[in-house]
Amino acid sequence: VNKFIGKKFNTDLASDLGLPPGKK
């Protein structure tokens, strides 16, 4: 499940949403 999420989840979305840097 973790590998599947790592492949499919769009991690760049946080920057597009204007969230500050750091662990989410």
PDBML (XML) file of the C-alpha atoms, coordinates in Angstrom:
<?xml version="1.0" encoding="UTF-8" ?>
<PDBx:datablock datablockName="MODEL"
   xmlns:PDBx="http://pdbml.pdb.org/schema/pdbx-v50.xsd"
   xmlns:xsi="http://www.w3.org/2001/XMLSchema-instance"
   xsi:schemaLocation="http://pdbml.pdb.org/schema/pdbx-v50.xsd pdbx-v50.xsd">
   <PDBx:atom_siteCategory>
      <PDBx:atom_site id="1">
         <PDBx:B_iso_or_equiv>0.00</PDBx:B_iso_or_equiv>
         <PDBx:Cartn_x>0.000</PDBx:Cartn_x>
         <PDBx:Cartn_y>0.000</PDBx:Cartn_y>
         <PDBx:Cartn_z>0.000</PDBx:Cartn_z>
         <PDBx:auth_asym_id>A</PDBx:auth_asym_id>
         <PDBx:auth_atom_id>CA</PDBx:auth_atom_id>
         <PDBx:auth_comp_id>VAL</PDBx:auth_comp_id>
         <PDBx:auth_seq_id>1</PDBx:auth_seq_id>
         <PDBx:group_PDB>ATOM</PDBx:group_PDB>
         <PDBx:label_alt_id xsi:nil="true" />
         <PDBx:label_asym_id>A</PDBx:label_asym_id>
         <PDBx:label_atom_id>CA</PDBx:label_atom_id>
         <PDBx:label_comp_id>VAL</PDBx:label_comp_id>
         <PDBx:label_entity_id>1</PDBx:label_entity_id>
         <PDBx:label_seq_id>1</PDBx:label_seq_id>
         <PDBx:occupancy>1.00</PDBx:occupancy>
         <PDBx:pdbx_PDB_model_num>1</PDBx:pdbx_PDB_model_num>
         <PDBx:type_symbol>C</PDBx:type_symbol>
      </PDBx:atom_site>
      <PDBx:atom_site id="2">
         <PDBx:B_iso_or_equiv>0.00</PDBx:B_iso_or_equiv>
         <PDBx:Cartn_x>2.831</PDBx:Cartn_x>
         <PDBx:Cartn_y>2.419</PDBx:Cartn_y>
         <PDBx:Cartn_z>0.829</PDBx:Cartn_z>
         <PDBx:auth_asym_id>A</PDBx:auth_asym_id>
         <PDBx:auth_atom_id>CA</PDBx:auth_atom_id>
         <PDBx:auth_comp_id>ASN</PDBx:auth_comp_id>
         <PDBx:auth_seq_id>2</PDBx:auth_seq_id>
         <PDBx:group_PDB>ATOM</PDBx:group_PDB>
         <PDBx:label_alt_id xsi:nil="true" />
         <PDBx:label_asym_id>A</PDBx:label_asym_id>
         <PDBx:label_atom_id>CA</PDBx:label_atom_id>
         <PDBx:label_comp_id>ASN</PDBx:label_comp_id>
         <PDBx:label_entity_id>1</PDBx:label_entity_id>
         <PDBx:label_seq_id>2</PDBx:label_seq_id>
         <PDBx:occupancy>1.00</PDBx:occupancy>
         <PDBx:pdbx_PDB_model_num>1</PDBx:pdbx_PDB_model_num>
         <PDBx:type_symbol>C</PDBx:type_symbol>
      </PDBx:atom_site>
      <PDBx:atom_site id="3">
         <PDBx:B_iso_or_equiv>0.00</PDBx:B_iso_or_equiv>
         <PDBx:Cartn_x>4.534</PDBx:Cartn_x>
         <PDBx:Cartn_y>1.724</PDBx:Cartn_y>
         <PDBx:Cartn_z>-2.519</PDBx:Cartn_z>
         <PDBx:auth_asym_id>A</PDBx:auth_asym_id>
         <PDBx:auth_atom_id>CA</PDBx:auth_atom_id>
         <PDBx:auth_comp_id>LYS</PDBx:auth_comp_id>
         <PDBx:auth_seq_id>3</PDBx:auth_seq_id>
         <PDBx:group_PDB>ATOM</PDBx:group_PDB>
         <PDBx:label_alt_id xsi:nil="true" />
         <PDBx:label_asym_id>A</PDBx:label_asym_id>
         <PDBx:label_atom_id>CA</PDBx:label_atom_id>
         <PDBx:label_comp_id>LYS</PDBx:label_comp_id>
         <PDBx:label_entity_id>1</PDBx:label_entity_id>
         <PDBx:label_seq_id>3</PDBx:label_seq_id>
         <PDBx:occupancy>1.00</PDBx:occupancy>
         <PDBx:pdbx_PDB_model_num>1</PDBx:pdbx_PDB_model_num>
         <PDBx:type_symbol>C</PDBx:type_symbol>
      </PDBx:atom_site>
      <PDBx:atom_site id="4">
         <PDBx:B_iso_or_equiv>0.00</PDBx:B_iso_or_equiv>
         <PDBx:Cartn_x>1.248</PDBx:Cartn_x>
         <PDBx:Cartn_y>2.199</PDBx:Cartn_y>
         <PDBx:Cartn_z>-4.346</PDBx:Cartn_z>
         <PDBx:auth_asym_id>A</PDBx:auth_asym_id>
         <PDBx:auth_atom_id>CA</PDBx:auth_atom_id>
         <PDBx:auth_comp_id>PHE</PDBx:auth_comp_id>
         <PDBx:auth_seq_id>4</PDBx:auth_seq_id>
         <PDBx:group_PDB>ATOM</PDBx:group_PDB>
         <PDBx:label_alt_id xsi:nil="true" />
         <PDBx:label_asym_id>A</PDBx:label_asym_id>
         <PDBx:label_atom_id>CA</PDBx:label_atom_id>
         <PDBx:label_comp_id>PHE</PDBx:label_comp_id>
         <PDBx:label_entity_id>1</PDBx:label_entity_id>
         <PDBx:label_seq_id>4</PDBx:label_seq_id>
         <PDBx:occupancy>1.00</PDBx:occupancy>
         <PDBx:pdbx_PDB_model_num>1</PDBx:pdbx_PDB_model_num>
         <PDBx:type_symbol>C</PDBx:type_symbol>
      </PDBx:atom_site>
      <PDBx:atom_site id="5">
         <PDBx:B_iso_or_equiv>0.00</PDBx:B_iso_or_equiv>
         <PDBx:Cartn_x>0.659</PDBx:Cartn_x>
         <PDBx:Cartn_y>5.541</PDBx:Cartn_y>
         <PDBx:Cartn_z>-2.616</PDBx:Cartn_z>
         <PDBx:auth_asym_id>A</PDBx:auth_asym_id>
         <PDBx:auth_atom_id>CA</PDBx:auth_atom_id>
         <PDBx:auth_comp_id>ILE</PDBx:auth_comp_id>
         <PDBx:auth_seq_id>5</PDBx:auth_seq_id>
         <PDBx:group_PDB>ATOM</PDBx:group_PDB>
         <PDBx:label_alt_id xsi:nil="true" />
         <PDBx:label_asym_id>A</PDBx:label_asym_id>
         <PDBx:label_atom_id>CA</PDBx:label_atom_id>
         <PDBx:label_comp_id>ILE</PDBx:label_comp_id>
         <PDBx:label_entity_id>1</PDBx:label_entity_id>
         <PDBx:label_seq_id>5</PDBx:label_seq_id>
         <PDBx:occupancy>1.00</PDBx:occupancy>
         <PDBx:pdbx_PDB_model_num>1</PDBx:pdbx_PDB_model_num>
         <PDBx:type_symbol>C</PDBx:type_symbol>
      </PDBx:atom_site>
      <PDBx:atom_site id="6">
         <PDBx:B_iso_or_equiv>0.00</PDBx:B_iso_or_equiv>
         <PDBx:Cartn_x>4.235</PDBx:Cartn_x>
         <PDBx:Cartn_y>6.663</PDBx:Cartn_y>
         <PDBx:Cartn_z>-3.334</PDBx:Cartn_z>
         <PDBx:auth_asym_id>A</PDBx:auth_asym_id>
         <PDBx:auth_atom_id>CA</PDBx:auth_atom_id>
         <PDBx:auth_comp_id>GLY</PDBx:auth_comp_id>
         <PDBx:auth_seq_id>6</PDBx:auth_seq_id>
         <PDBx:group_PDB>ATOM</PDBx:group_PDB>
         <PDBx:label_alt_id xsi:nil="true" />
         <PDBx:label_asym_id>A</PDBx:label_asym_id>
         <PDBx:label_atom_id>CA</PDBx:label_atom_id>
         <PDBx:label_comp_id>GLY</PDBx:label_comp_id>
         <PDBx:label_entity_id>1</PDBx:label_entity_id>
         <PDBx:label_seq_id>6</PDBx:label_seq_id>
         <PDBx:occupancy>1.00</PDBx:occupancy>
         <PDBx:pdbx_PDB_model_num>1</PDBx:pdbx_PDB_model_num>
         <PDBx:type_symbol>C</PDBx:type_symbol>
      </PDBx:atom_site>
      <PDBx:atom_site id="7">
         <PDBx:B_iso_or_equiv>0.00</PDBx:B_iso_or_equiv>
         <PDBx:Cartn_x>3.691</PDBx:Cartn_x>
         <PDBx:Cartn_y>6.077</PDBx:Cartn_y>
         <PDBx:Cartn_z>-7.062</PDBx:Cartn_z>
         <PDBx:auth_asym_id>A</PDBx:auth_asym_id>
         <PDBx:auth_atom_id>CA</PDBx:auth_atom_id>
         <PDBx:auth_comp_id>LYS</PDBx:auth_comp_id>
         <PDBx:auth_seq_id>7</PDBx:auth_seq_id>
         <PDBx:group_PDB>ATOM</PDBx:group_PDB>
         <PDBx:label_alt_id xsi:nil="true" />
         <PDBx:label_asym_id>A</PDBx:label_asym_id>
         <PDBx:label_atom_id>CA</PDBx:label_atom_id>
         <PDBx:label_comp_id>LYS</PDBx:label_comp_id>
         <PDBx:label_entity_id>1</PDBx:label_entity_id>
         <PDBx:label_seq_id>7</PDBx:label_seq_id>
         <PDBx:occupancy>1.00</PDBx:occupancy>
         <PDBx:pdbx_PDB_model_num>1</PDBx:pdbx_PDB_model_num>
         <PDBx:type_symbol>C</PDBx:type_symbol>
      </PDBx:atom_site>
      <PDBx:atom_site id="8">
         <PDBx:B_iso_or_equiv>0.00</PDBx:B_iso_or_equiv>
         <PDBx:Cartn_x>0.200</PDBx:Cartn_x>
         <PDBx:Cartn_y>7.536</PDBx:Cartn_y>
         <PDBx:Cartn_z>-7.390</PDBx:Cartn_z>
         <PDBx:auth_asym_id>A</PDBx:auth_asym_id>
         <PDBx:auth_atom_id>CA</PDBx:auth_atom_id>
         <PDBx:auth_comp_id>LYS</PDBx:auth_comp_id>
         <PDBx:auth_seq_id>8</PDBx:auth_seq_id>
         <PDBx:group_PDB>ATOM</PDBx:group_PDB>
         <PDBx:label_alt_id xsi:nil="true" />
         <PDBx:label_asym_id>A</PDBx:label_asym_id>
         <PDBx:label_atom_id>CA</PDBx:label_atom_id>
         <PDBx:label_comp_id>LYS</PDBx:label_comp_id>
         <PDBx:label_entity_id>1</PDBx:label_entity_id>
         <PDBx:label_seq_id>8</PDBx:label_seq_id>
         <PDBx:occupancy>1.00</PDBx:occupancy>
         <PDBx:pdbx_PDB_model_num>1</PDBx:pdbx_PDB_model_num>
         <PDBx:type_symbol>C</PDBx:type_symbol>
      </PDBx:atom_site>
      <PDBx:atom_site id="9">
         <PDBx:B_iso_or_equiv>0.00</PDBx:B_iso_or_equiv>
         <PDBx:Cartn_x>0.172</PDBx:Cartn_x>
         <PDBx:Cartn_y>10.456</PDBx:Cartn_y>
         <PDBx:Cartn_z>-4.916</PDBx:Cartn_z>
         <PDBx:auth_asym_id>A</PDBx:auth_asym_id>
         <PDBx:auth_atom_id>CA</PDBx:auth_atom_id>
         <PDBx:auth_comp_id>PHE</PDBx:auth_comp_id>
         <PDBx:auth_seq_id>9</PDBx:auth_seq_id>
         <PDBx:group_PDB>ATOM</PDBx:group_PDB>
         <PDBx:label_alt_id xsi:nil="true" />
         <PDBx:label_asym_id>A</PDBx:label_asym_id>
         <PDBx:label_atom_id>CA</PDBx:label_atom_id>
         <PDBx:label_comp_id>PHE</PDBx:label_comp_id>
         <PDBx:label_entity_id>1</PDBx:label_entity_id>
         <PDBx:label_seq_id>9</PDBx:label_seq_id>
         <PDBx:occupancy>1.00</PDBx:occupancy>
         <PDBx:pdbx_PDB_model_num>1</PDBx:pdbx_PDB_model_num>
         <PDBx:type_symbol>C</PDBx:type_symbol>
      </PDBx:atom_site>
      <PDBx:atom_site id="10">
         <PDBx:B_iso_or_equiv>0.00</PDBx:B_iso_or_equiv>
         <PDBx:Cartn_x>0.935</PDBx:Cartn_x>
         <PDBx:Cartn_y>13.895</PDBx:Cartn_y>
         <PDBx:Cartn_z>-6.369</PDBx:Cartn_z>
         <PDBx:auth_asym_id>A</PDBx:auth_asym_id>
         <PDBx:auth_atom_id>CA</PDBx:auth_atom_id>
         <PDBx:auth_comp_id>ASN</PDBx:auth_comp_id>
         <PDBx:auth_seq_id>10</PDBx:auth_seq_id>
         <PDBx:group_PDB>ATOM</PDBx:group_PDB>
         <PDBx:label_alt_id xsi:nil="true" />
         <PDBx:label_asym_id>A</PDBx:label_asym_id>
         <PDBx:label_atom_id>CA</PDBx:label_atom_id>
         <PDBx:label_comp_id>ASN</PDBx:label_comp_id>
         <PDBx:label_entity_id>1</PDBx:label_entity_id>
         <PDBx:label_seq_id>10</PDBx:label_seq_id>
         <PDBx:occupancy>1.00</PDBx:occupancy>
         <PDBx:pdbx_PDB_model_num>1</PDBx:pdbx_PDB_model_num>
         <PDBx:type_symbol>C</PDBx:type_symbol>
      </PDBx:atom_site>
      <PDBx:atom_site id="11">
         <PDBx:B_iso_or_equiv>0.00</PDBx:B_iso_or_equiv>
         <PDBx:Cartn_x>3.392</PDBx:Cartn_x>
         <PDBx:Cartn_y>15.395</PDBx:Cartn_y>
         <PDBx:Cartn_z>-3.885</PDBx:Cartn_z>
         <PDBx:auth_asym_id>A</PDBx:auth_asym_id>
         <PDBx:auth_atom_id>CA</PDBx:auth_atom_id>
         <PDBx:auth_comp_id>THR</PDBx:auth_comp_id>
         <PDBx:auth_seq_id>11</PDBx:auth_seq_id>
         <PDBx:group_PDB>ATOM</PDBx:group_PDB>
         <PDBx:label_alt_id xsi:nil="true" />
         <PDBx:label_asym_id>A</PDBx:label_asym_id>
         <PDBx:label_atom_id>CA</PDBx:label_atom_id>
         <PDBx:label_comp_id>THR</PDBx:label_comp_id>
         <PDBx:label_entity_id>1</PDBx:label_entity_id>
         <PDBx:label_seq_id>11</PDBx:label_seq_id>
         <PDBx:occupancy>1.00</PDBx:occupancy>
         <PDBx:pdbx_PDB_model_num>1</PDBx:pdbx_PDB_model_num>
         <PDBx:type_symbol>C</PDBx:type_symbol>
      </PDBx:atom_site>
      <PDBx:atom_site id="12">
         <PDBx:B_iso_or_equiv>0.00</PDBx:B_iso_or_equiv>
         <PDBx:Cartn_x>3.706</PDBx:Cartn_x>
         <PDBx:Cartn_y>18.613</PDBx:Cartn_y>
         <PDBx:Cartn_z>-5.922</PDBx:Cartn_z>
         <PDBx:auth_asym_id>A</PDBx:auth_asym_id>
         <PDBx:auth_atom_id>CA</PDBx:auth_atom_id>
         <PDBx:auth_comp_id>ASP</PDBx:auth_comp_id>
         <PDBx:auth_seq_id>12</PDBx:auth_seq_id>
         <PDBx:group_PDB>ATOM</PDBx:group_PDB>
         <PDBx:label_alt_id xsi:nil="true" />
         <PDBx:label_asym_id>A</PDBx:label_asym_id>
         <PDBx:label_atom_id>CA</PDBx:label_atom_id>
         <PDBx:label_comp_id>ASP</PDBx:label_comp_id>
         <PDBx:label_entity_id>1</PDBx:label_entity_id>
         <PDBx:label_seq_id>12</PDBx:label_seq_id>
         <PDBx:occupancy>1.00</PDBx:occupancy>
         <PDBx:pdbx_PDB_model_num>1</PDBx:pdbx_PDB_model_num>
         <PDBx:type_symbol>C</PDBx:type_symbol>
      </PDBx:atom_site>
      <PDBx:atom_site id="13">
         <PDBx:B_iso_or_equiv>0.00</PDBx:B_iso_or_equiv>
         <PDBx:Cartn_x>0.106</PDBx:Cartn_x>
         <PDBx:Cartn_y>19.434</PDBx:Cartn_y>
         <PDBx:Cartn_z>-5.065</PDBx:Cartn_z>
         <PDBx:auth_asym_id>A</PDBx:auth_asym_id>
         <PDBx:auth_atom_id>CA</PDBx:auth_atom_id>
         <PDBx:auth_comp_id>LEU</PDBx:auth_comp_id>
         <PDBx:auth_seq_id>13</PDBx:auth_seq_id>
         <PDBx:group_PDB>ATOM</PDBx:group_PDB>
         <PDBx:label_alt_id xsi:nil="true" />
         <PDBx:label_asym_id>A</PDBx:label_asym_id>
         <PDBx:label_atom_id>CA</PDBx:label_atom_id>
         <PDBx:label_comp_id>LEU</PDBx:label_comp_id>
         <PDBx:label_entity_id>1</PDBx:label_entity_id>
         <PDBx:label_seq_id>13</PDBx:label_seq_id>
         <PDBx:occupancy>1.00</PDBx:occupancy>
         <PDBx:pdbx_PDB_model_num>1</PDBx:pdbx_PDB_model_num>
         <PDBx:type_symbol>C</PDBx:type_symbol>
      </PDBx:atom_site>
      <PDBx:atom_site id="14">
         <PDBx:B_iso_or_equiv>0.00</PDBx:B_iso_or_equiv>
         <PDBx:Cartn_x>1.114</PDBx:Cartn_x>
         <PDBx:Cartn_y>20.951</PDBx:Cartn_y>
         <PDBx:Cartn_z>-1.712</PDBx:Cartn_z>
         <PDBx:auth_asym_id>A</PDBx:auth_asym_id>
         <PDBx:auth_atom_id>CA</PDBx:auth_atom_id>
         <PDBx:auth_comp_id>ALA</PDBx:auth_comp_id>
         <PDBx:auth_seq_id>14</PDBx:auth_seq_id>
         <PDBx:group_PDB>ATOM</PDBx:group_PDB>
         <PDBx:label_alt_id xsi:nil="true" />
         <PDBx:label_asym_id>A</PDBx:label_asym_id>
         <PDBx:label_atom_id>CA</PDBx:label_atom_id>
         <PDBx:label_comp_id>ALA</PDBx:label_comp_id>
         <PDBx:label_entity_id>1</PDBx:label_entity_id>
         <PDBx:label_seq_id>14</PDBx:label_seq_id>
         <PDBx:occupancy>1.00</PDBx:occupancy>
         <PDBx:pdbx_PDB_model_num>1</PDBx:pdbx_PDB_model_num>
         <PDBx:type_symbol>C</PDBx:type_symbol>
      </PDBx:atom_site>
      <PDBx:atom_site id="15">
         <PDBx:B_iso_or_equiv>0.00</PDBx:B_iso_or_equiv>
         <PDBx:Cartn_x>3.235</PDBx:Cartn_x>
         <PDBx:Cartn_y>23.611</PDBx:Cartn_y>
         <PDBx:Cartn_z>-3.444</PDBx:Cartn_z>
         <PDBx:auth_asym_id>A</PDBx:auth_asym_id>
         <PDBx:auth_atom_id>CA</PDBx:auth_atom_id>
         <PDBx:auth_comp_id>SER</PDBx:auth_comp_id>
         <PDBx:auth_seq_id>15</PDBx:auth_seq_id>
         <PDBx:group_PDB>ATOM</PDBx:group_PDB>
         <PDBx:label_alt_id xsi:nil="true" />
         <PDBx:label_asym_id>A</PDBx:label_asym_id>
         <PDBx:label_atom_id>CA</PDBx:label_atom_id>
         <PDBx:label_comp_id>SER</PDBx:label_comp_id>
         <PDBx:label_entity_id>1</PDBx:label_entity_id>
         <PDBx:label_seq_id>15</PDBx:label_seq_id>
         <PDBx:occupancy>1.00</PDBx:occupancy>
         <PDBx:pdbx_PDB_model_num>1</PDBx:pdbx_PDB_model_num>
         <PDBx:type_symbol>C</PDBx:type_symbol>
      </PDBx:atom_site>
      <PDBx:atom_site id="16">
         <PDBx:B_iso_or_equiv>0.00</PDBx:B_iso_or_equiv>
         <PDBx:Cartn_x>0.444</PDBx:Cartn_x>
         <PDBx:Cartn_y>24.358</PDBx:Cartn_y>
         <PDBx:Cartn_z>-5.904</PDBx:Cartn_z>
         <PDBx:auth_asym_id>A</PDBx:auth_asym_id>
         <PDBx:auth_atom_id>CA</PDBx:auth_atom_id>
         <PDBx:auth_comp_id>ASP</PDBx:auth_comp_id>
         <PDBx:auth_seq_id>16</PDBx:auth_seq_id>
         <PDBx:group_PDB>ATOM</PDBx:group_PDB>
         <PDBx:label_alt_id xsi:nil="true" />
         <PDBx:label_asym_id>A</PDBx:label_asym_id>
         <PDBx:label_atom_id>CA</PDBx:label_atom_id>
         <PDBx:label_comp_id>ASP</PDBx:label_comp_id>
         <PDBx:label_entity_id>1</PDBx:label_entity_id>
         <PDBx:label_seq_id>16</PDBx:label_seq_id>
         <PDBx:occupancy>1.00</PDBx:occupancy>
         <PDBx:pdbx_PDB_model_num>1</PDBx:pdbx_PDB_model_num>
         <PDBx:type_symbol>C</PDBx:type_symbol>
      </PDBx:atom_site>
      <PDBx:atom_site id="17">
         <PDBx:B_iso_or_equiv>0.00</PDBx:B_iso_or_equiv>
         <PDBx:Cartn_x>-1.927</PDBx:Cartn_x>
         <PDBx:Cartn_y>24.871</PDBx:Cartn_y>
         <PDBx:Cartn_z>-2.952</PDBx:Cartn_z>
         <PDBx:auth_asym_id>A</PDBx:auth_asym_id>
         <PDBx:auth_atom_id>CA</PDBx:auth_atom_id>
         <PDBx:auth_comp_id>LEU</PDBx:auth_comp_id>
         <PDBx:auth_seq_id>17</PDBx:auth_seq_id>
         <PDBx:group_PDB>ATOM</PDBx:group_PDB>
         <PDBx:label_alt_id xsi:nil="true" />
         <PDBx:label_asym_id>A</PDBx:label_asym_id>
         <PDBx:label_atom_id>CA</PDBx:label_atom_id>
         <PDBx:label_comp_id>LEU</PDBx:label_comp_id>
         <PDBx:label_entity_id>1</PDBx:label_entity_id>
         <PDBx:label_seq_id>17</PDBx:label_seq_id>
         <PDBx:occupancy>1.00</PDBx:occupancy>
         <PDBx:pdbx_PDB_model_num>1</PDBx:pdbx_PDB_model_num>
         <PDBx:type_symbol>C</PDBx:type_symbol>
      </PDBx:atom_site>
      <PDBx:atom_site id="18">
         <PDBx:B_iso_or_equiv>0.00</PDBx:B_iso_or_equiv>
         <PDBx:Cartn_x>0.461</PDBx:Cartn_x>
         <PDBx:Cartn_y>27.409</PDBx:Cartn_y>
         <PDBx:Cartn_z>-1.403</PDBx:Cartn_z>
         <PDBx:auth_asym_id>A</PDBx:auth_asym_id>
         <PDBx:auth_atom_id>CA</PDBx:auth_atom_id>
         <PDBx:auth_comp_id>GLY</PDBx:auth_comp_id>
         <PDBx:auth_seq_id>18</PDBx:auth_seq_id>
         <PDBx:group_PDB>ATOM</PDBx:group_PDB>
         <PDBx:label_alt_id xsi:nil="true" />
         <PDBx:label_asym_id>A</PDBx:label_asym_id>
         <PDBx:label_atom_id>CA</PDBx:label_atom_id>
         <PDBx:label_comp_id>GLY</PDBx:label_comp_id>
         <PDBx:label_entity_id>1</PDBx:label_entity_id>
         <PDBx:label_seq_id>18</PDBx:label_seq_id>
         <PDBx:occupancy>1.00</PDBx:occupancy>
         <PDBx:pdbx_PDB_model_num>1</PDBx:pdbx_PDB_model_num>
         <PDBx:type_symbol>C</PDBx:type_symbol>
      </PDBx:atom_site>
      <PDBx:atom_site id="19">
         <PDBx:B_iso_or_equiv>0.00</PDBx:B_iso_or_equiv>
         <PDBx:Cartn_x>1.278</PDBx:Cartn_x>
         <PDBx:Cartn_y>25.363</PDBx:Cartn_y>
         <PDBx:Cartn_z>1.678</PDBx:Cartn_z>
         <PDBx:auth_asym_id>A</PDBx:auth_asym_id>
         <PDBx:auth_atom_id>CA</PDBx:auth_atom_id>
         <PDBx:auth_comp_id>LEU</PDBx:auth_comp_id>
         <PDBx:auth_seq_id>19</PDBx:auth_seq_id>
         <PDBx:group_PDB>ATOM</PDBx:group_PDB>
         <PDBx:label_alt_id xsi:nil="true" />
         <PDBx:label_asym_id>A</PDBx:label_asym_id>
         <PDBx:label_atom_id>CA</PDBx:label_atom_id>
         <PDBx:label_comp_id>LEU</PDBx:label_comp_id>
         <PDBx:label_entity_id>1</PDBx:label_entity_id>
         <PDBx:label_seq_id>19</PDBx:label_seq_id>
         <PDBx:occupancy>1.00</PDBx:occupancy>
         <PDBx:pdbx_PDB_model_num>1</PDBx:pdbx_PDB_model_num>
         <PDBx:type_symbol>C</PDBx:type_symbol>
      </PDBx:atom_site>
      <PDBx:atom_site id="20">
         <PDBx:B_iso_or_equiv>0.00</PDBx:B_iso_or_equiv>
         <PDBx:Cartn_x>4.490</PDBx:Cartn_x>
         <PDBx:Cartn_y>26.270</PDBx:Cartn_y>
         <PDBx:Cartn_z>3.531</PDBx:Cartn_z>
         <PDBx:auth_asym_id>A</PDBx:auth_asym_id>
         <PDBx:auth_atom_id>CA</PDBx:auth_atom_id>
         <PDBx:auth_comp_id>PRO</PDBx:auth_comp_id>
         <PDBx:auth_seq_id>20</PDBx:auth_seq_id>
         <PDBx:group_PDB>ATOM</PDBx:group_PDB>
         <PDBx:label_alt_id xsi:nil="true" />
         <PDBx:label_asym_id>A</PDBx:label_asym_id>
         <PDBx:label_atom_id>CA</PDBx:label_atom_id>
         <PDBx:label_comp_id>PRO</PDBx:label_comp_id>
         <PDBx:label_entity_id>1</PDBx:label_entity_id>
         <PDBx:label_seq_id>20</PDBx:label_seq_id>
         <PDBx:occupancy>1.00</PDBx:occupancy>
         <PDBx:pdbx_PDB_model_num>1</PDBx:pdbx_PDB_model_num>
         <PDBx:type_symbol>C</PDBx:type_symbol>
      </PDBx:atom_site>
      <PDBx:atom_site id="21">
         <PDBx:B_iso_or_equiv>0.00</PDBx:B_iso_or_equiv>
         <PDBx:Cartn_x>7.485</PDBx:Cartn_x>
         <PDBx:Cartn_y>23.905</PDBx:Cartn_y>
         <PDBx:Cartn_z>3.252</PDBx:Cartn_z>
         <PDBx:auth_asym_id>A</PDBx:auth_asym_id>
         <PDBx:auth_atom_id>CA</PDBx:auth_atom_id>
         <PDBx:auth_comp_id>PRO</PDBx:auth_comp_id>
         <PDBx:auth_seq_id>21</PDBx:auth_seq_id>
         <PDBx:group_PDB>ATOM</PDBx:group_PDB>
         <PDBx:label_alt_id xsi:nil="true" />
         <PDBx:label_asym_id>A</PDBx:label_asym_id>
         <PDBx:label_atom_id>CA</PDBx:label_atom_id>
         <PDBx:label_comp_id>PRO</PDBx:label_comp_id>
         <PDBx:label_entity_id>1</PDBx:label_entity_id>
         <PDBx:label_seq_id>21</PDBx:label_seq_id>
         <PDBx:occupancy>1.00</PDBx:occupancy>
         <PDBx:pdbx_PDB_model_num>1</PDBx:pdbx_PDB_model_num>
         <PDBx:type_symbol>C</PDBx:type_symbol>
      </PDBx:atom_site>
      <PDBx:atom_site id="22">
         <PDBx:B_iso_or_equiv>0.00</PDBx:B_iso_or_equiv>
         <PDBx:Cartn_x>7.861</PDBx:Cartn_x>
         <PDBx:Cartn_y>21.103</PDBx:Cartn_y>
         <PDBx:Cartn_z>5.763</PDBx:Cartn_z>
         <PDBx:auth_asym_id>A</PDBx:auth_asym_id>
         <PDBx:auth_atom_id>CA</PDBx:auth_atom_id>
         <PDBx:auth_comp_id>GLY</PDBx:auth_comp_id>
         <PDBx:auth_seq_id>22</PDBx:auth_seq_id>
         <PDBx:group_PDB>ATOM</PDBx:group_PDB>
         <PDBx:label_alt_id xsi:nil="true" />
         <PDBx:label_asym_id>A</PDBx:label_asym_id>
         <PDBx:label_atom_id>CA</PDBx:label_atom_id>
         <PDBx:label_comp_id>GLY</PDBx:label_comp_id>
         <PDBx:label_entity_id>1</PDBx:label_entity_id>
         <PDBx:label_seq_id>22</PDBx:label_seq_id>
         <PDBx:occupancy>1.00</PDBx:occupancy>
         <PDBx:pdbx_PDB_model_num>1</PDBx:pdbx_PDB_model_num>
         <PDBx:type_symbol>C</PDBx:type_symbol>
      </PDBx:atom_site>
      <PDBx:atom_site id="23">
         <PDBx:B_iso_or_equiv>0.00</PDBx:B_iso_or_equiv>
         <PDBx:Cartn_x>6.565</PDBx:Cartn_x>
         <PDBx:Cartn_y>17.625</PDBx:Cartn_y>
         <PDBx:Cartn_z>6.528</PDBx:Cartn_z>
         <PDBx:auth_asym_id>A</PDBx:auth_asym_id>
         <PDBx:auth_atom_id>CA</PDBx:auth_atom_id>
         <PDBx:auth_comp_id>LYS</PDBx:auth_comp_id>
         <PDBx:auth_seq_id>23</PDBx:auth_seq_id>
         <PDBx:group_PDB>ATOM</PDBx:group_PDB>
         <PDBx:label_alt_id xsi:nil="true" />
         <PDBx:label_asym_id>A</PDBx:label_asym_id>
         <PDBx:label_atom_id>CA</PDBx:label_atom_id>
         <PDBx:label_comp_id>LYS</PDBx:label_comp_id>
         <PDBx:label_entity_id>1</PDBx:label_entity_id>
         <PDBx:label_seq_id>23</PDBx:label_seq_id>
         <PDBx:occupancy>1.00</PDBx:occupancy>
         <PDBx:pdbx_PDB_model_num>1</PDBx:pdbx_PDB_model_num>
         <PDBx:type_symbol>C</PDBx:type_symbol>
      </PDBx:atom_site>
      <PDBx:atom_site id="24">
         <PDBx:B_iso_or_equiv>0.00</PDBx:B_iso_or_equiv>
         <PDBx:Cartn_x>2.895</PDBx:Cartn_x>
         <PDBx:Cartn_y>17.037</PDBx:Cartn_y>
         <PDBx:Cartn_z>5.730</PDBx:Cartn_z>
         <PDBx:auth_asym_id>A</PDBx:auth_asym_id>
         <PDBx:auth_atom_id>CA</PDBx:auth_atom_id>
         <PDBx:auth_comp_id>LYS</PDBx:auth_comp_id>
         <PDBx:auth_seq_id>24</PDBx:auth_seq_id>
         <PDBx:group_PDB>ATOM</PDBx:group_PDB>
         <PDBx:label_alt_id xsi:nil="true" />
         <PDBx:label_asym_id>A</PDBx:label_asym_id>
         <PDBx:label_atom_id>CA</PDBx:label_atom_id>
         <PDBx:label_comp_id>LYS</PDBx:label_comp_id>
         <PDBx:label_entity_id>1</PDBx:label_entity_id>
         <PDBx:label_seq_id>24</PDBx:label_seq_id>
         <PDBx:occupancy>1.00</PDBx:occupancy>
         <PDBx:pdbx_PDB_model_num>1</PDBx:pdbx_PDB_model_num>
         <PDBx:type_symbol>C</PDBx:type_symbol>
      </PDBx:atom_site>
   </PDBx:atom_siteCategory>
</PDBx:datablock>
